Amino acid sequence: MTVVTARRYRQGKIQRNIAEAPFDAPGKGEFDWIGLLDPEPAEIDALAQRYHLHPLAVEDAVTQRHPPKAETYSKHLFVVARTAAQGPGDTIAYGQTAIFVGDDFIITVRLGSQRAHVDLRAQLEANPERLAEGPDFVLHALLDFIVEGFDPLLDRLDETMGKMEDGAIDAFPDQARIRRIFRLRRTLRQLEGISGRMEEMTGKLAQVEQPAIDQRARPYFRDVHDHARRVLMRTRALLDTLGNLLEVASLLEQSRQGAITRQLAAWAAILAVPTAIAGIYGMNFAFMPELAWRHGYFIVLGAIALICALLFWRFRRIGWL
């Protein structure tokens, strides 16, 4: 059964269930709220005929992976919103909620979205004065519910970013961590695109006059737009954090290579002393005054040891060793 709910409201209170009853048009002060989950073509076609939905909007409603948008068709409004939830690992599971809004009806079509509207519907039904405002206020509540669903996902990603930042400072990131950073960057870029389109869509509803949306509801849509903008800003901030992590990894690698280079240079300088002195004595000249010294061998070895010790102390002092 893909029809999750089908109710008619009068003055904000439930009048009857219209899922199985013969259809009659809503009267004055009434509107229908129908929710579908992964509907069959016959079900959505029946609703399209009943409520005079545009075929292009119906086609978009049953097609997944549409970007968020708000379009006007005759006397009704068609809205596509994307939902996001934590998937396995660092992935994000996306769903789609299409919403048809008329003067006396609102129809939601969920595809791949497991976040049901049961609790939201119960909250609205517990506040008849709010529900009596009509389908446009239900649309606001639905969009606010969908946008709020991004917050737990962003909170978890923010926590992940914090742990990765701490790990990047403590030690040089290994290959597995670097691959994870690149995977997260691709994930966040996709999330940025979706949240950006959500921000545009809610902004259009808040700023542009739309059918089936009363002027009194406009401030509520501005609130949703602000929330969607915050989601977009948080997503971009997480992307900046990932970029900073990559910069930190690059700086750490450069620092590590510089430290190794300095150590090699210091040891090369130390080893150059005995090499140079031994090279001089290895030239096999017949007349070298030092060769006649009784303690020359020990003096040369002592001089080598002293110079090497002084160089080691000097390099250690400046942090090269």
C-alpha atoms as a PDB file:
ATOM      1  CA  MET A   1       0.000   0.000   0.000  1.00  0.00           C
ATOM      2  CA  THR A   2       1.753   3.151  -1.160  1.00  0.00           C
ATOM      3  CA  VAL A   3      -0.912   5.603   0.033  1.00  0.00           C
ATOM      4  CA  VAL A   4       0.394   6.357   3.509  1.00  0.00           C
ATOM      5  CA  THR A   5      -2.388   8.747   4.414  1.00  0.00           C
ATOM      6  CA  ALA A   6      -5.360  10.438   2.743  1.00  0.00           C
ATOM      7  CA  ARG A   7      -7.332  12.767   4.950  1.00  0.00           C
ATOM      8  CA  ARG A   8      -9.711  15.665   4.507  1.00  0.00           C
ATOM      9  CA  TYR A   9      -9.568  18.536   6.953  1.00  0.00           C
ATOM     10  CA  ARG A  10     -12.219  21.102   7.763  1.00  0.00           C
ATOM     11  CA  GLN A  11     -11.213  24.140   9.809  1.00  0.00           C
ATOM     12  CA  GLY A  12      -8.032  22.334  10.829  1.00  0.00           C
ATOM     13  CA  LYS A  13      -9.745  19.195  12.089  1.00  0.00           C
ATOM     14  CA  ILE A  14      -9.933  15.764  10.494  1.00  0.00           C
ATOM     15  CA  GLN A  15     -13.240  15.308   8.713  1.00  0.00           C
ATOM     16  CA  ARG A  16     -12.755  11.832   7.248  1.00  0.00           C
ATOM     17  CA  ASN A  17     -10.393   9.431   5.518  1.00  0.00           C
ATOM     18  CA  ILE A  18     -10.658   9.734   1.729  1.00  0.00           C
ATOM     19  CA  ALA A  19      -8.385   6.855   0.743  1.00  0.00           C
ATOM     20  CA  GLU A  20     -11.225   4.470  -0.061  1.00  0.00           C
ATOM     21  CA  ALA A  21     -14.313   6.624  -0.021  1.00  0.00           C
ATOM     22  CA  PRO A  22     -15.850   7.864  -3.291  1.00  0.00           C
ATOM     23  CA  PHE A  23     -14.260  11.118  -4.285  1.00  0.00           C
ATOM     24  CA  ASP A  24     -16.006  14.419  -3.919  1.00  0.00           C
ATOM     25  CA  ALA A  25     -14.346  17.786  -4.225  1.00  0.00           C
ATOM     26  CA  PRO A  26     -13.388  19.554  -0.984  1.00  0.00           C
ATOM     27  CA  GLY A  27     -15.879  22.141   0.141  1.00  0.00           C
ATOM     28  CA  LYS A  28     -15.346  25.611   1.516  1.00  0.00           C
ATOM     29  CA  GLY A  29     -12.844  25.624   4.371  1.00  0.00           C
ATOM     30  CA  GLU A  30     -11.696  22.087   3.494  1.00  0.00           C
ATOM     31  CA  PHE A  31      -8.553  20.647   1.981  1.00  0.00           C
ATOM     32  CA  ASP A  32      -7.119  17.195   1.327  1.00  0.00           C
ATOM     33  CA  TRP A  33      -3.720  15.956   2.461  1.00  0.00           C
ATOM     34  CA  ILE A  34      -2.550  12.835   0.663  1.00  0.00           C
ATOM     35  CA  GLY A  35       0.827  11.180   1.261  1.00  0.00           C
ATOM     36  CA  LEU A  36       2.322   8.533  -1.016  1.00  0.00           C
ATOM     37  CA  LEU A  37       5.468   6.452  -0.679  1.00  0.00           C
ATOM     38  CA  ASP A  38       7.000   5.020  -3.881  1.00  0.00           C
ATOM     39  CA  PRO A  39       3.589   4.997  -5.628  1.00  0.00           C
ATOM     40  CA  GLU A  40       2.510   2.792  -8.488  1.00  0.00           C
ATOM     41  CA  PRO A  41       1.812   4.533 -11.828  1.00  0.00           C
ATOM     42  CA  ALA A  42      -1.917   3.786 -11.562  1.00  0.00           C
ATOM     43  CA  GLU A  43      -2.161   5.498  -8.182  1.00  0.00           C
ATOM     44  CA  ILE A  44      -0.398   8.670  -9.218  1.00  0.00           C
ATOM     45  CA  ASP A  45      -2.376   8.779 -12.476  1.00  0.00           C
ATOM     46  CA  ALA A  46      -5.652   8.550 -10.544  1.00  0.00           C
ATOM     47  CA  LEU A  47      -4.618  11.466  -8.346  1.00  0.00           C
ATOM     48  CA  ALA A  48      -3.509  13.434 -11.399  1.00  0.00           C
ATOM     49  CA  GLN A  49      -6.968  13.099 -12.921  1.00  0.00           C
ATOM     50  CA  ARG A  50      -8.721  13.808  -9.641  1.00  0.00           C
ATOM     51  CA  TYR A  51      -6.799  16.994  -8.843  1.00  0.00           C
ATOM     52  CA  HIS A  52      -5.953  18.048 -12.425  1.00  0.00           C
ATOM     53  CA  LEU A  53      -2.194  17.762 -12.003  1.00  0.00           C
ATOM     54  CA  HIS A  54       0.036  18.694 -14.914  1.00  0.00           C
ATOM     55  CA  PRO A  55       1.525  15.631 -16.656  1.00  0.00           C
ATOM     56  CA  LEU A  56       5.034  17.095 -16.669  1.00  0.00           C
ATOM     57  CA  ALA A  57       4.877  17.598 -12.913  1.00  0.00           C
ATOM     58  CA  VAL A  58       3.572  14.055 -12.461  1.00  0.00           C
ATOM     59  CA  GLU A  59       6.436  12.717 -14.546  1.00  0.00           C
ATOM     60  CA  ASP A  60       8.967  14.600 -12.419  1.00  0.00           C
ATOM     61  CA  ALA A  61       7.308  13.417  -9.211  1.00  0.00           C
ATOM     62  CA  VAL A  62       7.881   9.742 -10.020  1.00  0.00           C
ATOM     63  CA  THR A  63      11.399  10.235 -11.381  1.00  0.00           C
ATOM     64  CA  GLN A  64      14.207  10.150  -8.856  1.00  0.00           C
ATOM     65  CA  ARG A  65      17.315  12.347  -8.747  1.00  0.00           C
ATOM     66  CA  HIS A  66      15.580  15.556  -9.755  1.00  0.00           C
ATOM     67  CA  PRO A  67      17.232  18.694  -8.368  1.00  0.00           C
ATOM     68  CA  PRO A  68      15.197  20.749  -5.876  1.00  0.00           C
ATOM     69  CA  LYS A  69      12.919  23.188  -7.642  1.00  0.00           C
ATOM     70  CA  ALA A  70       9.611  25.054  -7.437  1.00  0.00           C
ATOM     71  CA  GLU A  71       7.465  25.399 -10.574  1.00  0.00           C
ATOM     72  CA  THR A  72       4.039  26.807 -11.297  1.00  0.00           C
ATOM     73  CA  TYR A  73       1.491  24.805 -13.291  1.00  0.00           C
ATOM     74  CA  SER A  74      -1.825  26.557 -13.898  1.00  0.00           C
ATOM     75  CA  LYS A  75      -3.440  26.907 -10.469  1.00  0.00           C
ATOM     76  CA  HIS A  76      -1.204  24.592  -8.499  1.00  0.00           C
ATOM     77  CA  LEU A  77       2.401  24.684  -7.322  1.00  0.00           C
ATOM     78  CA  PHE A  78       4.866  21.826  -7.771  1.00  0.00           C
ATOM     79  CA  VAL A  79       7.860  21.548  -5.430  1.00  0.00           C
ATOM     80  CA  VAL A  80      10.689  19.016  -5.450  1.00  0.00           C
ATOM     81  CA  ALA A  81      12.821  18.749  -2.297  1.00  0.00           C
ATOM     82  CA  ARG A  82      15.711  16.416  -1.559  1.00  0.00           C
ATOM     83  CA  THR A  83      16.174  14.623   1.738  1.00  0.00           C
ATOM     84  CA  ALA A  84      19.526  13.534   3.138  1.00  0.00           C
ATOM     85  CA  ALA A  85      20.429  10.990   5.812  1.00  0.00           C
ATOM     86  CA  GLN A  86      23.587   9.266   6.984  1.00  0.00           C
ATOM     87  CA  GLY A  87      24.422   6.247   4.849  1.00  0.00           C
ATOM     88  CA  PRO A  88      26.965   3.482   5.444  1.00  0.00           C
ATOM     89  CA  GLY A  89      30.408   4.806   6.316  1.00  0.00           C
ATOM     90  CA  ASP A  90      30.917   8.370   5.119  1.00  0.00           C
ATOM     91  CA  THR A  91      28.215   8.188   2.428  1.00  0.00           C
ATOM     92  CA  ILE A  92      24.941  10.103   2.317  1.00  0.00           C
ATOM     93  CA  ALA A  93      21.625   8.485   1.398  1.00  0.00           C
ATOM     94  CA  TYR A  94      19.471  10.881  -0.617  1.00  0.00           C
ATOM     95  CA  GLY A  95      15.744  10.745  -1.142  1.00  0.00           C
ATOM     96  CA  GLN A  96      13.188  12.875  -2.947  1.00  0.00           C
ATOM     97  CA  THR A  97       9.915  14.402  -1.850  1.00  0.00           C
ATOM     98  CA  ALA A  98       7.659  15.897  -4.515  1.00  0.00           C
ATOM     99  CA  ILE A  99       4.820  18.117  -3.330  1.00  0.00           C
ATOM    100  CA  PHE A 100       1.736  19.265  -5.251  1.00  0.00           C
ATOM    101  CA  VAL A 101      -0.021  22.228  -3.663  1.00  0.00           C
ATOM    102  CA  GLY A 102      -3.388  23.637  -4.680  1.00  0.00           C
ATOM    103  CA  ASP A 103      -5.950  25.841  -2.990  1.00  0.00           C
ATOM    104  CA  ASP A 104      -7.714  22.820  -1.495  1.00  0.00           C
ATOM    105  CA  PHE A 105      -5.181  19.984  -1.586  1.00  0.00           C
ATOM    106  CA  ILE A 106      -1.588  19.022  -0.889  1.00  0.00           C
ATOM    107  CA  ILE A 107      -0.062  15.788  -2.161  1.00  0.00           C
ATOM    108  CA  THR A 108       3.348  14.459  -1.149  1.00  0.00           C
ATOM    109  CA  VAL A 109       5.201  11.779  -3.113  1.00  0.00           C
ATOM    110  CA  ARG A 110       8.231  10.309  -1.360  1.00  0.00           C
ATOM    111  CA  LEU A 111      10.815   8.345  -3.328  1.00  0.00           C
ATOM    112  CA  GLY A 112      13.668   6.657  -1.456  1.00  0.00           C
ATOM    113  CA  SER A 113      13.025   8.744   1.656  1.00  0.00           C
ATOM    114  CA  GLN A 114      12.580   6.765   4.851  1.00  0.00           C
ATOM    115  CA  ARG A 115      11.906   9.816   7.037  1.00  0.00           C
ATOM    116  CA  ALA A 116       8.134   9.601   7.342  1.00  0.00           C
ATOM    117  CA  HIS A 117       5.787  12.528   7.979  1.00  0.00           C
ATOM    118  CA  VAL A 118       3.791  10.754  10.684  1.00  0.00           C
ATOM    119  CA  ASP A 119       5.121  12.786  13.607  1.00  0.00           C
ATOM    120  CA  LEU A 120       4.852  16.036  11.671  1.00  0.00           C
ATOM    121  CA  ARG A 121       1.258  15.282  10.737  1.00  0.00           C
ATOM    122  CA  ALA A 122       0.455  14.504  14.366  1.00  0.00           C
ATOM    123  CA  GLN A 123       1.967  17.807  15.494  1.00  0.00           C
ATOM    124  CA  LEU A 124      -0.057  19.785  12.959  1.00  0.00           C
ATOM    125  CA  GLU A 125      -3.249  17.940  13.779  1.00  0.00           C
ATOM    126  CA  ALA A 126      -2.675  18.768  17.441  1.00  0.00           C
ATOM    127  CA  ASN A 127      -2.735  22.458  16.453  1.00  0.00           C
ATOM    128  CA  PRO A 128      -5.999  22.930  14.491  1.00  0.00           C
ATOM    129  CA  GLU A 129      -5.622  26.698  14.319  1.00  0.00           C
ATOM    130  CA  ARG A 130      -2.375  26.324  12.422  1.00  0.00           C
ATOM    131  CA  LEU A 131      -3.701  23.534  10.211  1.00  0.00           C
ATOM    132  CA  ALA A 132      -6.792  25.590   9.408  1.00  0.00           C
ATOM    133  CA  GLU A 133      -4.585  28.070   7.533  1.00  0.00           C
ATOM    134  CA  GLY A 134      -4.555  25.669   4.599  1.00  0.00           C
ATOM    135  CA  PRO A 135      -2.189  23.724   2.352  1.00  0.00           C
ATOM    136  CA  ASP A 136       0.405  26.509   2.121  1.00  0.00           C
ATOM    137  CA  PHE A 137       1.111  26.271   5.849  1.00  0.00           C
ATOM    138  CA  VAL A 138       1.383  22.493   5.524  1.00  0.00           C
ATOM    139  CA  LEU A 139       3.889  23.039   2.696  1.00  0.00           C
ATOM    140  CA  HIS A 140       5.945  25.284   4.975  1.00  0.00           C
ATOM    141  CA  ALA A 141       5.890  22.667   7.730  1.00  0.00           C
ATOM    142  CA  LEU A 142       6.960  19.948   5.299  1.00  0.00           C
ATOM    143  CA  LEU A 143       9.852  21.973   3.897  1.00  0.00           C
ATOM    144  CA  ASP A 144      10.966  22.985   7.376  1.00  0.00           C
ATOM    145  CA  PHE A 145      10.839  19.307   8.397  1.00  0.00           C
ATOM    146  CA  ILE A 146      12.934  18.313   5.380  1.00  0.00           C
ATOM    147  CA  VAL A 147      15.533  21.045   5.870  1.00  0.00           C
ATOM    148  CA  GLU A 148      15.832  20.211   9.570  1.00  0.00           C
ATOM    149  CA  GLY A 149      16.721  16.667   8.519  1.00  0.00           C
ATOM    150  CA  PHE A 150      20.059  17.972   7.223  1.00  0.00           C
ATOM    151  CA  ASP A 151      21.161  19.143  10.689  1.00  0.00           C
ATOM    152  CA  PRO A 152      21.895  15.717  12.264  1.00  0.00           C
ATOM    153  CA  LEU A 153      23.850  14.759   9.145  1.00  0.00           C
ATOM    154  CA  LEU A 154      25.911  17.955   9.302  1.00  0.00           C
ATOM    155  CA  ASP A 155      26.457  17.523  13.047  1.00  0.00           C
ATOM    156  CA  ARG A 156      27.914  14.071  12.446  1.00  0.00           C
ATOM    157  CA  LEU A 157      30.088  15.315   9.589  1.00  0.00           C
ATOM    158  CA  ASP A 158      31.249  18.193  11.783  1.00  0.00           C
ATOM    159  CA  GLU A 159      32.241  15.716  14.483  1.00  0.00           C
ATOM    160  CA  THR A 160      34.111  13.638  11.906  1.00  0.00           C
ATOM    161  CA  MET A 161      35.937  16.731  10.670  1.00  0.00           C
ATOM    162  CA  GLY A 162      36.947  17.604  14.246  1.00  0.00           C
ATOM    163  CA  LYS A 163      38.461  14.174  14.800  1.00  0.00           C
ATOM    164  CA  MET A 164      40.306  14.338  11.494  1.00  0.00           C
ATOM    165  CA  GLU A 165      41.673  17.787  12.371  1.00  0.00           C
ATOM    166  CA  ASP A 166      42.986  16.501  15.701  1.00  0.00           C
ATOM    167  CA  GLY A 167      44.555  13.509  13.956  1.00  0.00           C
ATOM    168  CA  ALA A 168      46.173  15.719  11.321  1.00  0.00           C
ATOM    169  CA  ILE A 169      47.831  17.828  13.999  1.00  0.00           C
ATOM    170  CA  ASP A 170      49.047  14.873  16.044  1.00  0.00           C
ATOM    171  CA  ALA A 171      50.623  12.929  13.198  1.00  0.00           C
ATOM    172  CA  PHE A 172      51.160  12.956   9.454  1.00  0.00           C
ATOM    173  CA  PRO A 173      48.046  11.533   7.724  1.00  0.00           C
ATOM    174  CA  ASP A 174      48.599   8.122   6.197  1.00  0.00           C
ATOM    175  CA  GLN A 175      47.332   7.005   2.792  1.00  0.00           C
ATOM    176  CA  ALA A 176      44.058   5.631   4.184  1.00  0.00           C
ATOM    177  CA  ARG A 177      43.265   8.952   5.857  1.00  0.00           C
ATOM    178  CA  ILE A 178      44.135  10.935   2.742  1.00  0.00           C
ATOM    179  CA  ARG A 179      41.848   8.711   0.632  1.00  0.00           C
ATOM    180  CA  ARG A 180      39.082   9.271   3.168  1.00  0.00           C
ATOM    181  CA  ILE A 181      39.574  13.035   2.906  1.00  0.00           C
ATOM    182  CA  PHE A 182      39.122  12.882  -0.869  1.00  0.00           C
ATOM    183  CA  ARG A 183      36.016  10.684  -0.524  1.00  0.00           C
ATOM    184  CA  LEU A 184      34.513  13.111   1.974  1.00  0.00           C
ATOM    185  CA  ARG A 185      35.295  16.017  -0.328  1.00  0.00           C
ATOM    186  CA  ARG A 186      33.363  14.378  -3.179  1.00  0.00           C
ATOM    187  CA  THR A 187      30.491  13.660  -0.788  1.00  0.00           C
ATOM    188  CA  LEU A 188      30.404  17.233   0.482  1.00  0.00           C
ATOM    189  CA  ARG A 189      30.563  18.688  -3.016  1.00  0.00           C
ATOM    190  CA  GLN A 190      27.446  16.708  -3.910  1.00  0.00           C
ATOM    191  CA  LEU A 191      25.789  17.841  -0.679  1.00  0.00           C
ATOM    192  CA  GLU A 192      26.762  21.434  -1.460  1.00  0.00           C
ATOM    193  CA  GLY A 193      25.074  21.196  -4.859  1.00  0.00           C
ATOM    194  CA  ILE A 194      21.855  19.825  -3.373  1.00  0.00           C
ATOM    195  CA  SER A 195      21.764  22.218  -0.429  1.00  0.00           C
ATOM    196  CA  GLY A 196      22.469  25.100  -2.816  1.00  0.00           C
ATOM    197  CA  ARG A 197      19.468  24.155  -4.962  1.00  0.00           C
ATOM    198  CA  MET A 198      17.364  23.788  -1.807  1.00  0.00           C
ATOM    199  CA  GLU A 199      18.397  27.305  -0.796  1.00  0.00           C
ATOM    200  CA  GLU A 200      17.422  28.622  -4.226  1.00  0.00           C
ATOM    201  CA  MET A 201      14.078  26.815  -4.158  1.00  0.00           C
ATOM    202  CA  THR A 202      13.097  28.075  -0.697  1.00  0.00           C
ATOM    203  CA  GLY A 203      14.251  31.553  -1.660  1.00  0.00           C
ATOM    204  CA  LYS A 204      11.942  31.488  -4.669  1.00  0.00           C
ATOM    205  CA  LEU A 205       8.997  30.490  -2.467  1.00  0.00           C
ATOM    206  CA  ALA A 206       9.852  33.254   0.021  1.00  0.00           C
ATOM    207  CA  GLN A 207      10.356  36.069  -2.496  1.00  0.00           C
ATOM    208  CA  VAL A 208       8.246  35.308  -5.573  1.00  0.00           C
ATOM    209  CA  GLU A 209       4.462  35.246  -5.559  1.00  0.00           C
ATOM    210  CA  GLN A 210       3.237  31.689  -6.093  1.00  0.00           C
ATOM    211  CA  PRO A 211      -0.208  30.148  -6.587  1.00  0.00           C
ATOM    212  CA  ALA A 212      -1.783  28.518  -3.548  1.00  0.00           C
ATOM    213  CA  ILE A 213       0.540  30.431  -1.192  1.00  0.00           C
ATOM    214  CA  ASP A 214      -1.133  33.190   0.775  1.00  0.00           C
ATOM    215  CA  GLN A 215       0.675  36.431   1.523  1.00  0.00           C
ATOM    216  CA  ARG A 216       0.422  35.686   5.246  1.00  0.00           C
ATOM    217  CA  ALA A 217       2.502  32.535   4.781  1.00  0.00           C
ATOM    218  CA  ARG A 218       5.407  34.373   3.153  1.00  0.00           C
ATOM    219  CA  PRO A 219       7.278  35.088   6.446  1.00  0.00           C
ATOM    220  CA  TYR A 220       7.217  31.370   7.261  1.00  0.00           C
ATOM    221  CA  PHE A 221       8.896  30.543   3.967  1.00  0.00           C
ATOM    222  CA  ARG A 222      11.526  33.200   4.646  1.00  0.00           C
ATOM    223  CA  ASP A 223      12.312  31.339   7.852  1.00  0.00           C
ATOM    224  CA  VAL A 224      12.749  28.097   5.915  1.00  0.00           C
ATOM    225  CA  HIS A 225      14.940  29.939   3.430  1.00  0.00           C
ATOM    226  CA  ASP A 226      17.174  31.175   6.254  1.00  0.00           C
ATOM    227  CA  HIS A 227      17.454  27.636   7.580  1.00  0.00           C
ATOM    228  CA  ALA A 228      18.354  26.306   4.131  1.00  0.00           C
ATOM    229  CA  ARG A 229      20.972  29.046   3.792  1.00  0.00           C
ATOM    230  CA  ARG A 230      22.533  27.985   7.103  1.00  0.00           C
ATOM    231  CA  VAL A 231      22.683  24.395   5.852  1.00  0.00           C
ATOM    232  CA  LEU A 232      24.498  25.588   2.728  1.00  0.00           C
ATOM    233  CA  MET A 233      26.920  27.698   4.763  1.00  0.00           C
ATOM    234  CA  ARG A 234      27.693  24.787   7.094  1.00  0.00           C
ATOM    235  CA  THR A 235      28.332  22.522   4.116  1.00  0.00           C
ATOM    236  CA  ARG A 236      30.725  25.039   2.588  1.00  0.00           C
ATOM    237  CA  ALA A 237      32.467  25.438   5.944  1.00  0.00           C
ATOM    238  CA  LEU A 238      33.012  21.671   6.076  1.00  0.00           C
ATOM    239  CA  LEU A 239      34.439  21.792   2.555  1.00  0.00           C
ATOM    240  CA  ASP A 240      36.820  24.543   3.661  1.00  0.00           C
ATOM    241  CA  THR A 241      37.841  22.390   6.610  1.00  0.00           C
ATOM    242  CA  LEU A 242      38.665  19.516   4.280  1.00  0.00           C
ATOM    243  CA  GLY A 243      40.691  21.875   2.113  1.00  0.00           C
ATOM    244  CA  ASN A 244      42.574  23.019   5.220  1.00  0.00           C
ATOM    245  CA  LEU A 245      43.233  19.392   6.146  1.00  0.00           C
ATOM    246  CA  LEU A 246      44.782  18.806   2.731  1.00  0.00           C
ATOM    247  CA  GLU A 247      46.910  21.934   3.159  1.00  0.00           C
ATOM    248  CA  VAL A 248      47.999  20.748   6.611  1.00  0.00           C
ATOM    249  CA  ALA A 249      48.886  17.341   5.167  1.00  0.00           C
ATOM    250  CA  SER A 250      50.932  19.029   2.440  1.00  0.00           C
ATOM    251  CA  LEU A 251      52.695  21.287   4.949  1.00  0.00           C
ATOM    252  CA  LEU A 252      53.433  18.344   7.223  1.00  0.00           C
ATOM    253  CA  GLU A 253      54.888  16.412   4.309  1.00  0.00           C
ATOM    254  CA  GLN A 254      57.052  19.380   3.337  1.00  0.00           C
ATOM    255  CA  SER A 255      58.153  19.772   6.954  1.00  0.00           C
ATOM    256  CA  ARG A 256      58.956  16.067   7.221  1.00  0.00           C
ATOM    257  CA  GLN A 257      60.968  16.147   3.991  1.00  0.00           C
ATOM    258  CA  GLY A 258      62.776  19.302   5.161  1.00  0.00           C
ATOM    259  CA  ALA A 259      63.659  17.679   8.483  1.00  0.00           C
ATOM    260  CA  ILE A 260      65.026  14.615   6.691  1.00  0.00           C
ATOM    261  CA  THR A 261      66.984  16.824   4.305  1.00  0.00           C
ATOM    262  CA  ARG A 262      68.509  18.778   7.201  1.00  0.00           C
ATOM    263  CA  GLN A 263      69.477  15.578   9.006  1.00  0.00           C
ATOM    264  CA  LEU A 264      71.133  14.190   5.895  1.00  0.00           C
ATOM    265  CA  ALA A 265      72.954  17.483   5.309  1.00  0.00           C
ATOM    266  CA  ALA A 266      74.151  17.573   8.936  1.00  0.00           C
ATOM    267  CA  TRP A 267      75.484  14.004   8.861  1.00  0.00           C
ATOM    268  CA  ALA A 268      77.071  14.650   5.476  1.00  0.00           C
ATOM    269  CA  ALA A 269      78.886  17.664   6.935  1.00  0.00           C
ATOM    270  CA  ILE A 270      80.068  15.646   9.935  1.00  0.00           C
ATOM    271  CA  LEU A 271      81.282  12.747   7.788  1.00  0.00           C
ATOM    272  CA  ALA A 272      83.000  15.159   5.402  1.00  0.00           C
ATOM    273  CA  VAL A 273      85.609  16.008   8.086  1.00  0.00           C
ATOM    274  CA  PRO A 274      87.202  12.536   8.464  1.00  0.00           C
ATOM    275  CA  THR A 275      86.742  11.958   4.756  1.00  0.00           C
ATOM    276  CA  ALA A 276      88.682  15.121   3.853  1.00  0.00           C
ATOM    277  CA  ILE A 277      91.470  14.499   6.376  1.00  0.00           C
ATOM    278  CA  ALA A 278      91.788  10.851   5.429  1.00  0.00           C
ATOM    279  CA  GLY A 279      91.854  11.907   1.786  1.00  0.00           C
ATOM    280  CA  ILE A 280      94.795  14.217   2.428  1.00  0.00           C
ATOM    281  CA  TYR A 281      96.773  11.481   4.136  1.00  0.00           C
ATOM    282  CA  GLY A 282      95.853   9.067   1.386  1.00  0.00           C
ATOM    283  CA  MET A 283      97.651  11.055  -1.306  1.00  0.00           C
ATOM    284  CA  ASN A 284     100.890   9.090  -0.614  1.00  0.00           C
ATOM    285  CA  PHE A 285     103.378  11.993  -0.754  1.00  0.00           C
ATOM    286  CA  ALA A 286     106.881  11.020   0.383  1.00  0.00           C
ATOM    287  CA  PHE A 287     107.594  14.183   2.314  1.00  0.00           C
ATOM    288  CA  MET A 288     104.836  15.042   4.804  1.00  0.00           C
ATOM    289  CA  PRO A 289     106.109  16.540   8.073  1.00  0.00           C
ATOM    290  CA  GLU A 290     103.301  14.956  10.093  1.00  0.00           C
ATOM    291  CA  LEU A 291     104.463  11.472   9.141  1.00  0.00           C
ATOM    292  CA  ALA A 292     107.555  11.866  11.332  1.00  0.00           C
ATOM    293  CA  TRP A 293     105.587  12.863  14.398  1.00  0.00           C
ATOM    294  CA  ARG A 294     105.562  10.188  17.079  1.00  0.00           C
ATOM    295  CA  HIS A 295     102.038  10.983  18.229  1.00  0.00           C
ATOM    296  CA  GLY A 296     100.724  12.351  14.936  1.00  0.00           C
ATOM    297  CA  TYR A 297      98.300   9.476  14.371  1.00  0.00           C
ATOM    298  CA  PHE A 298      96.575  10.041  17.698  1.00  0.00           C
ATOM    299  CA  ILE A 299      96.610  13.791  17.268  1.00  0.00           C
ATOM    300  CA  VAL A 300      94.858  13.501  13.888  1.00  0.00           C
ATOM    301  CA  LEU A 301      92.256  11.070  15.256  1.00  0.00           C
ATOM    302  CA  GLY A 302      91.636  13.361  18.195  1.00  0.00           C
ATOM    303  CA  ALA A 303      91.273  16.352  15.920  1.00  0.00           C
ATOM    304  CA  ILE A 304      88.782  14.446  13.760  1.00  0.00           C
ATOM    305  CA  ALA A 305      86.788  13.386  16.820  1.00  0.00           C
ATOM    306  CA  LEU A 306      86.812  16.913  18.248  1.00  0.00           C
ATOM    307  CA  ILE A 307      85.690  18.573  15.021  1.00  0.00           C
ATOM    308  CA  CYS A 308      82.937  15.965  14.510  1.00  0.00           C
ATOM    309  CA  ALA A 309      81.774  16.436  18.103  1.00  0.00           C
ATOM    310  CA  LEU A 310      81.667  20.215  17.681  1.00  0.00           C
ATOM    311  CA  LEU A 311      79.678  19.890  14.456  1.00  0.00           C
ATOM    312  CA  PHE A 312      77.273  17.423  16.070  1.00  0.00           C
ATOM    313  CA  TRP A 313      76.769  19.804  19.013  1.00  0.00           C
ATOM    314  CA  ARG A 314      76.183  22.719  16.659  1.00  0.00           C
ATOM    315  CA  PHE A 315      73.684  20.887  14.463  1.00  0.00           C
ATOM    316  CA  ARG A 316      71.902  19.532  17.522  1.00  0.00           C
ATOM    317  CA  ARG A 317      71.628  23.012  18.926  1.00  0.00           C
ATOM    318  CA  ILE A 318      70.000  24.464  15.823  1.00  0.00           C
ATOM    319  CA  GLY A 319      67.615  21.516  15.554  1.00  0.00           C
ATOM    320  CA  TRP A 320      69.063  19.760  12.551  1.00  0.00           C
ATOM    321  CA  LEU A 321      69.740  16.577  14.511  1.00  0.00           C
END
